[in-house]
Amino acid sequence: MRAYTLSVLGKCTRDGGVPTDKDILEWANKKLSSNGKSSSIRSFQDRTISSASVVLDLIDTIKQGVVGIQLVKDDNSKEGKMDSAKYAITCGRKIGAGIYALPEDIVEVKPKMVMTVFACLMAQDFKMHSLI
C-alpha cells in the first residue's frame, strides 16, 4: 500500500515529487471553495471527515453528477456515517480513483488512510483535467 500511495502522490506533481500532507489539504480546500462548497478540513484528523460529506463534496467537484445527493445519509448515527462512507468510496472509484481505504477508515478518521483517499482523489482530478 505504501508503494502504491507514493506512486499516486508522485502523479500529482509535474516533476514527480511527492506532495506533502499540507499540499493535499490545500488542494482539497481550494477545490471545494472554488466550486462553491462550504465544507473544508483542517487536517486528516478532522472529525468532520467521519460523516464522509467532505469526501462526497470533493468527488462532486471533480466530476459533477456522480454523487446522487438523495442517496447521502444526513444523520450522524454510526450506521448513517458508514453508509455515507461506503457511498463515497463507491463514487470515488466510479470516477476512476484507485481508493483502497475502507469505509471504517473514514468513519473512524484514521489519518493515514484518510490521507490516501484524498491523495487518490487528487491524482484522479489531475489525471481527468490534464493537470499533469
N, C-alpha and C. Protein backbone atom coordinates (compact mmCIF):
# COMPACT_ATOMS: atom_id res chain seq x y z
N MET A 1 0.82 -1.19 0.00
CA MET A 1 0.00 0.00 0.00
C MET A 1 0.87 1.26 0.00
N ARG A 2 1.97 1.22 0.72
CA ARG A 2 2.84 2.38 0.79
C ARG A 2 3.39 2.72 -0.59
N ALA A 3 3.85 1.73 -1.32
CA ALA A 3 4.42 1.97 -2.65
C ALA A 3 3.36 2.54 -3.59
N TYR A 4 2.15 2.00 -3.51
CA TYR A 4 1.07 2.49 -4.36
C TYR A 4 0.75 3.95 -4.03
N THR A 5 0.65 4.26 -2.75
CA THR A 5 0.33 5.63 -2.34
C THR A 5 1.42 6.59 -2.80
N LEU A 6 2.68 6.20 -2.66
CA LEU A 6 3.77 7.06 -3.13
C LEU A 6 3.70 7.25 -4.64
N SER A 7 3.32 6.20 -5.34
CA SER A 7 3.16 6.30 -6.79
C SER A 7 2.03 7.27 -7.14
N VAL A 8 0.92 7.16 -6.44
CA VAL A 8 -0.22 8.04 -6.66
C VAL A 8 0.17 9.48 -6.37
N LEU A 9 0.84 9.69 -5.27
CA LEU A 9 1.25 11.04 -4.89
C LEU A 9 2.23 11.63 -5.91
N GLY A 10 3.11 10.81 -6.44
CA GLY A 10 4.06 11.28 -7.44
C GLY A 10 3.38 11.75 -8.71
N LYS A 11 2.20 11.21 -8.99
CA LYS A 11 1.45 11.62 -10.18
C LYS A 11 0.77 12.98 -10.00
N CYS A 12 0.79 13.49 -8.80
CA CYS A 12 0.11 14.75 -8.51
C CYS A 12 0.97 15.97 -8.76
N THR A 13 2.19 15.76 -9.19
CA THR A 13 3.06 16.89 -9.46
C THR A 13 3.67 16.76 -10.84
N ARG A 14 4.01 17.87 -11.40
CA ARG A 14 4.63 17.87 -12.72
C ARG A 14 6.03 17.27 -12.69
N ASP A 15 6.74 17.44 -11.58
CA ASP A 15 8.12 16.95 -11.52
C ASP A 15 8.25 15.56 -10.90
N GLY A 16 7.14 14.95 -10.52
CA GLY A 16 7.17 13.61 -9.93
C GLY A 16 7.50 13.61 -8.46
N GLY A 17 7.68 14.81 -7.87
CA GLY A 17 7.93 14.90 -6.44
C GLY A 17 6.67 14.55 -5.66
N VAL A 18 6.84 14.17 -4.44
CA VAL A 18 5.71 13.75 -3.61
C VAL A 18 5.15 14.95 -2.85
N PRO A 19 3.86 15.26 -3.06
CA PRO A 19 3.24 16.36 -2.31
C PRO A 19 3.18 16.03 -0.82
N THR A 20 3.22 17.04 -0.01
CA THR A 20 3.10 16.86 1.43
C THR A 20 1.62 16.81 1.82
N ASP A 21 1.38 16.44 3.07
CA ASP A 21 0.01 16.47 3.58
C ASP A 21 -0.58 17.87 3.40
N LYS A 22 0.24 18.88 3.67
CA LYS A 22 -0.22 20.27 3.54
C LYS A 22 -0.63 20.57 2.11
N ASP A 23 0.13 20.08 1.13
CA ASP A 23 -0.21 20.29 -0.28
C ASP A 23 -1.56 19.66 -0.62
N ILE A 24 -1.79 18.47 -0.11
CA ILE A 24 -3.05 17.76 -0.39
C ILE A 24 -4.22 18.49 0.26
N LEU A 25 -4.03 18.93 1.50
CA LEU A 25 -5.08 19.68 2.20
C LEU A 25 -5.40 20.98 1.47
N GLU A 26 -4.36 21.70 1.05
CA GLU A 26 -4.57 22.95 0.32
C GLU A 26 -5.31 22.71 -0.98
N TRP A 27 -4.93 21.65 -1.70
CA TRP A 27 -5.62 21.32 -2.96
C TRP A 27 -7.10 21.05 -2.68
N ALA A 28 -7.38 20.20 -1.68
CA ALA A 28 -8.77 19.83 -1.38
C ALA A 28 -9.60 21.05 -1.00
N ASN A 29 -9.09 21.87 -0.11
CA ASN A 29 -9.85 23.04 0.34
C ASN A 29 -10.03 24.06 -0.78
N LYS A 30 -9.01 24.24 -1.60
CA LYS A 30 -9.13 25.16 -2.73
C LYS A 30 -10.16 24.64 -3.74
N LYS A 31 -10.12 23.34 -4.01
CA LYS A 31 -11.05 22.72 -4.95
C LYS A 31 -12.49 22.88 -4.44
N LEU A 32 -12.68 22.64 -3.16
CA LEU A 32 -14.02 22.76 -2.56
C LEU A 32 -14.53 24.20 -2.62
N SER A 33 -13.70 25.14 -2.17
CA SER A 33 -14.17 26.53 -2.12
C SER A 33 -14.37 27.12 -3.51
N SER A 34 -13.52 26.76 -4.46
CA SER A 34 -13.66 27.33 -5.81
C SER A 34 -14.87 26.76 -6.55
N ASN A 35 -15.44 25.70 -6.02
CA ASN A 35 -16.64 25.12 -6.62
C ASN A 35 -17.88 25.35 -5.77
N GLY A 36 -17.80 26.31 -4.86
CA GLY A 36 -18.97 26.71 -4.09
C GLY A 36 -19.37 25.79 -2.95
N LYS A 37 -18.49 24.92 -2.54
CA LYS A 37 -18.80 24.01 -1.42
C LYS A 37 -18.40 24.70 -0.13
N SER A 38 -19.21 24.50 0.90
CA SER A 38 -18.91 25.11 2.19
C SER A 38 -18.06 24.22 3.07
N SER A 39 -17.91 22.96 2.70
CA SER A 39 -17.12 22.05 3.52
C SER A 39 -15.63 22.29 3.32
N SER A 40 -14.87 21.96 4.35
CA SER A 40 -13.41 22.05 4.32
C SER A 40 -12.88 21.19 5.45
N ILE A 41 -11.56 20.95 5.42
CA ILE A 41 -10.94 20.19 6.51
C ILE A 41 -9.67 20.91 6.95
N ARG A 42 -9.36 20.76 8.24
CA ARG A 42 -8.16 21.38 8.80
C ARG A 42 -6.97 20.42 8.77
N SER A 43 -7.25 19.12 8.85
CA SER A 43 -6.21 18.10 8.83
C SER A 43 -6.86 16.77 8.49
N PHE A 44 -6.05 15.74 8.35
CA PHE A 44 -6.60 14.42 8.07
C PHE A 44 -7.09 13.75 9.35
N GLN A 45 -7.06 14.49 10.46
CA GLN A 45 -7.61 14.03 11.73
C GLN A 45 -8.90 14.77 12.07
N ASP A 46 -9.35 15.65 11.18
CA ASP A 46 -10.55 16.46 11.38
C ASP A 46 -11.76 15.53 11.54
N ARG A 47 -12.44 15.65 12.67
CA ARG A 47 -13.57 14.76 12.99
C ARG A 47 -14.74 14.93 12.01
N THR A 48 -14.81 16.05 11.29
CA THR A 48 -15.91 16.22 10.33
C THR A 48 -15.80 15.23 9.17
N ILE A 49 -14.63 14.66 8.96
CA ILE A 49 -14.44 13.67 7.89
C ILE A 49 -15.30 12.43 8.13
N SER A 50 -15.60 12.13 9.38
CA SER A 50 -16.31 10.89 9.72
C SER A 50 -17.68 10.76 9.05
N SER A 51 -18.30 11.87 8.67
CA SER A 51 -19.61 11.79 8.01
C SER A 51 -19.47 11.54 6.51
N ALA A 52 -18.25 11.64 5.99
CA ALA A 52 -17.93 11.45 4.56
C ALA A 52 -18.47 12.55 3.66
N SER A 53 -19.11 13.56 4.22
CA SER A 53 -19.69 14.61 3.38
C SER A 53 -18.62 15.41 2.64
N VAL A 54 -17.48 15.66 3.28
CA VAL A 54 -16.41 16.40 2.61
C VAL A 54 -15.83 15.58 1.45
N VAL A 55 -15.76 14.28 1.62
CA VAL A 55 -15.27 13.41 0.55
C VAL A 55 -16.26 13.43 -0.62
N LEU A 56 -17.53 13.34 -0.32
CA LEU A 56 -18.56 13.38 -1.36
C LEU A 56 -18.58 14.74 -2.06
N ASP A 57 -18.42 15.82 -1.29
CA ASP A 57 -18.36 17.15 -1.91
C ASP A 57 -17.17 17.25 -2.85
N LEU A 58 -16.05 16.71 -2.43
CA LEU A 58 -14.85 16.76 -3.25
C LEU A 58 -15.03 15.96 -4.55
N ILE A 59 -15.63 14.80 -4.44
CA ILE A 59 -15.91 13.99 -5.64
C ILE A 59 -16.83 14.75 -6.57
N ASP A 60 -17.83 15.42 -6.01
CA ASP A 60 -18.77 16.20 -6.83
C ASP A 60 -18.07 17.35 -7.54
N THR A 61 -17.03 17.91 -6.93
CA THR A 61 -16.30 18.99 -7.60
C THR A 61 -15.40 18.45 -8.72
N ILE A 62 -14.95 17.23 -8.55
CA ILE A 62 -14.09 16.61 -9.57
C ILE A 62 -14.91 16.22 -10.79
N LYS A 63 -16.06 15.61 -10.53
CA LYS A 63 -16.95 15.21 -11.62
C LYS A 63 -18.39 15.36 -11.16
N GLN A 64 -19.01 16.41 -11.62
CA GLN A 64 -20.39 16.69 -11.23
C GLN A 64 -21.34 15.62 -11.77
N GLY A 65 -22.35 15.34 -10.99
CA GLY A 65 -23.38 14.39 -11.40
C GLY A 65 -23.14 12.96 -10.95
N VAL A 66 -21.98 12.69 -10.39
CA VAL A 66 -21.69 11.33 -9.93
C VAL A 66 -22.35 11.05 -8.59
N VAL A 67 -22.34 12.04 -7.72
CA VAL A 67 -22.91 11.90 -6.38
C VAL A 67 -24.40 12.20 -6.44
N GLY A 68 -25.21 11.21 -6.10
CA GLY A 68 -26.65 11.40 -6.00
C GLY A 68 -26.99 11.86 -4.60
N ILE A 69 -27.26 13.14 -4.45
CA ILE A 69 -27.47 13.72 -3.13
C ILE A 69 -28.59 13.01 -2.36
N GLN A 70 -29.56 12.46 -3.08
CA GLN A 70 -30.67 11.76 -2.41
C GLN A 70 -30.21 10.46 -1.77
N LEU A 71 -29.05 9.96 -2.13
CA LEU A 71 -28.53 8.72 -1.56
C LEU A 71 -27.64 8.94 -0.34
N VAL A 72 -27.34 10.19 -0.04
CA VAL A 72 -26.45 10.51 1.07
C VAL A 72 -27.24 10.57 2.37
N LYS A 73 -26.75 9.83 3.35
CA LYS A 73 -27.38 9.85 4.67
C LYS A 73 -27.02 11.15 5.37
N ASP A 74 -28.03 11.80 5.93
CA ASP A 74 -27.80 13.09 6.58
C ASP A 74 -27.90 12.99 8.09
N ASP A 75 -27.73 11.79 8.62
CA ASP A 75 -27.75 11.66 10.07
C ASP A 75 -26.34 11.36 10.57
N ASN A 76 -26.14 11.57 11.84
CA ASN A 76 -24.82 11.35 12.42
C ASN A 76 -24.72 10.04 13.18
N SER A 77 -25.65 9.12 12.90
CA SER A 77 -25.56 7.82 13.54
C SER A 77 -24.39 7.04 12.94
N LYS A 78 -23.90 6.07 13.66
CA LYS A 78 -22.80 5.23 13.17
C LYS A 78 -23.20 4.56 11.85
N GLU A 79 -24.43 4.09 11.78
CA GLU A 79 -24.92 3.43 10.56
C GLU A 79 -25.01 4.42 9.39
N GLY A 80 -25.51 5.61 9.66
CA GLY A 80 -25.61 6.63 8.62
C GLY A 80 -24.24 7.04 8.10
N LYS A 81 -23.29 7.22 9.02
CA LYS A 81 -21.93 7.56 8.61
C LYS A 81 -21.30 6.44 7.79
N MET A 82 -21.53 5.21 8.20
CA MET A 82 -20.96 4.06 7.48
C MET A 82 -21.55 3.98 6.07
N ASP A 83 -22.85 4.17 5.95
CA ASP A 83 -23.49 4.15 4.63
C ASP A 83 -22.93 5.25 3.73
N SER A 84 -22.74 6.44 4.29
CA SER A 84 -22.20 7.56 3.51
C SER A 84 -20.75 7.30 3.11
N ALA A 85 -19.97 6.70 4.00
CA ALA A 85 -18.57 6.38 3.70
C ALA A 85 -18.49 5.32 2.59
N LYS A 86 -19.35 4.32 2.66
CA LYS A 86 -19.39 3.30 1.60
C LYS A 86 -19.73 3.95 0.26
N TYR A 87 -20.71 4.83 0.29
CA TYR A 87 -21.13 5.51 -0.93
C TYR A 87 -20.01 6.40 -1.47
N ALA A 88 -19.30 7.09 -0.58
CA ALA A 88 -18.20 7.96 -1.01
C ALA A 88 -17.10 7.14 -1.69
N ILE A 89 -16.76 6.01 -1.13
CA ILE A 89 -15.74 5.16 -1.75
C ILE A 89 -16.21 4.65 -3.10
N THR A 90 -17.47 4.25 -3.18
CA THR A 90 -18.03 3.80 -4.45
C THR A 90 -17.98 4.91 -5.50
N CYS A 91 -18.38 6.12 -5.11
CA CYS A 91 -18.36 7.25 -6.04
C CYS A 91 -16.94 7.59 -6.47
N GLY A 92 -16.01 7.53 -5.53
CA GLY A 92 -14.61 7.79 -5.86
C GLY A 92 -14.08 6.79 -6.87
N ARG A 93 -14.42 5.54 -6.68
CA ARG A 93 -13.99 4.51 -7.63
C ARG A 93 -14.68 4.68 -8.97
N LYS A 94 -15.92 5.15 -8.92
CA LYS A 94 -16.69 5.36 -10.15
C LYS A 94 -16.04 6.41 -11.05
N ILE A 95 -15.39 7.40 -10.46
CA ILE A 95 -14.72 8.41 -11.28
C ILE A 95 -13.30 7.98 -11.66
N GLY A 96 -12.90 6.80 -11.19
CA GLY A 96 -11.59 6.26 -11.58
C GLY A 96 -10.50 6.36 -10.53
N ALA A 97 -10.82 6.85 -9.35
CA ALA A 97 -9.81 6.95 -8.29
C ALA A 97 -9.54 5.57 -7.71
N GLY A 98 -8.28 5.24 -7.54
CA GLY A 98 -7.90 3.93 -7.01
C GLY A 98 -7.93 3.89 -5.50
N ILE A 99 -9.09 4.13 -4.93
CA ILE A 99 -9.24 4.18 -3.47
C ILE A 99 -9.25 2.76 -2.92
N TYR A 100 -8.38 2.50 -1.96
CA TYR A 100 -8.34 1.18 -1.33
C TYR A 100 -8.63 1.25 0.17
N ALA A 101 -8.97 2.42 0.66
CA ALA A 101 -9.34 2.57 2.07
C ALA A 101 -10.71 1.93 2.29
N LEU A 102 -10.99 1.61 3.51
CA LEU A 102 -12.28 1.03 3.89
C LEU A 102 -13.20 2.11 4.44
N PRO A 103 -14.51 1.87 4.40
CA PRO A 103 -15.45 2.84 4.99
C PRO A 103 -15.13 3.12 6.46
N GLU A 104 -14.70 2.10 7.17
CA GLU A 104 -14.34 2.25 8.58
C GLU A 104 -13.21 3.27 8.76
N ASP A 105 -12.29 3.31 7.80
CA ASP A 105 -11.17 4.25 7.88
C ASP A 105 -11.67 5.68 7.86
N ILE A 106 -12.71 5.94 7.08
CA ILE A 106 -13.29 7.28 7.01
C ILE A 106 -14.09 7.58 8.28
N VAL A 107 -14.97 6.67 8.66
CA VAL A 107 -15.84 6.88 9.83
C VAL A 107 -15.02 7.03 11.11
N GLU A 108 -13.96 6.24 11.23
CA GLU A 108 -13.11 6.31 12.42
C GLU A 108 -12.00 7.37 12.28
N VAL A 109 -11.96 8.04 11.14
CA VAL A 109 -10.98 9.08 10.83
C VAL A 109 -9.55 8.61 11.13
N LYS A 110 -9.16 7.56 10.43
CA LYS A 110 -7.78 7.06 10.53
C LYS A 110 -6.93 7.92 9.60
N PRO A 111 -6.12 8.82 10.16
CA PRO A 111 -5.44 9.86 9.37
C PRO A 111 -4.63 9.35 8.18
N LYS A 112 -3.88 8.29 8.35
CA LYS A 112 -3.06 7.80 7.24
C LYS A 112 -3.92 7.28 6.10
N MET A 113 -4.99 6.59 6.42
CA MET A 113 -5.87 6.06 5.39
C MET A 113 -6.72 7.17 4.78
N VAL A 114 -7.15 8.12 5.59
CA VAL A 114 -7.91 9.26 5.08
C VAL A 114 -7.05 10.04 4.09
N MET A 115 -5.78 10.21 4.42
CA MET A 115 -4.87 10.91 3.51
C MET A 115 -4.81 10.19 2.17
N THR A 116 -4.81 8.86 2.18
CA THR A 116 -4.74 8.13 0.91
C THR A 116 -5.99 8.35 0.08
N VAL A 117 -7.14 8.50 0.72
CA VAL A 117 -8.38 8.79 -0.01
C VAL A 117 -8.25 10.12 -0.73
N PHE A 118 -7.81 11.14 -0.01
CA PHE A 118 -7.66 12.46 -0.62
C PHE A 118 -6.57 12.46 -1.68
N ALA A 119 -5.48 11.73 -1.44
CA ALA A 119 -4.40 11.66 -2.43
C ALA A 119 -4.88 10.98 -3.71
N CYS A 120 -5.66 9.92 -3.58
CA CYS A 120 -6.19 9.24 -4.77
C CYS A 120 -7.16 10.13 -5.53
N LEU A 121 -7.97 10.90 -4.81
CA LEU A 121 -8.88 11.84 -5.48
C LEU A 121 -8.10 12.96 -6.15
N MET A 122 -7.04 13.43 -5.51
CA MET A 122 -6.21 14.46 -6.10
C MET A 122 -5.56 13.96 -7.38
N ALA A 123 -5.02 12.76 -7.35
CA ALA A 123 -4.38 12.19 -8.53
C ALA A 123 -5.39 12.02 -9.67
N GLN A 124 -6.58 11.58 -9.33
CA GLN A 124 -7.60 11.40 -10.37
C GLN A 124 -8.05 12.74 -10.94
N ASP A 125 -8.16 13.75 -10.09
CA ASP A 125 -8.52 15.08 -10.58
C ASP A 125 -7.44 15.58 -11.55
N PHE A 126 -6.20 15.42 -11.18
CA PHE A 126 -5.12 15.86 -12.06
C PHE A 126 -5.16 15.08 -13.37
N LYS A 127 -5.41 13.80 -13.29
CA LYS A 127 -5.47 12.97 -14.50
C LYS A 127 -6.64 13.38 -15.40
N MET A 128 -7.81 13.56 -14.81
CA MET A 128 -9.01 13.90 -15.57
C MET A 128 -8.94 15.27 -16.20
N HIS A 129 -8.27 16.18 -15.55
CA HIS A 129 -8.23 17.56 -16.01
C HIS A 129 -6.87 17.91 -16.59
N SER A 130 -6.11 16.91 -16.95
CA SER A 130 -4.80 17.07 -17.62
C SER A 130 -3.91 18.09 -16.94
N LEU A 131 -3.87 18.02 -15.63
CA LEU A 131 -3.02 18.94 -14.89
C LEU A 131 -1.61 18.40 -14.75
N ILE A 132 -1.42 17.14 -15.15
CA ILE A 132 -0.06 16.57 -15.10
C ILE A 132 0.31 16.09 -16.47
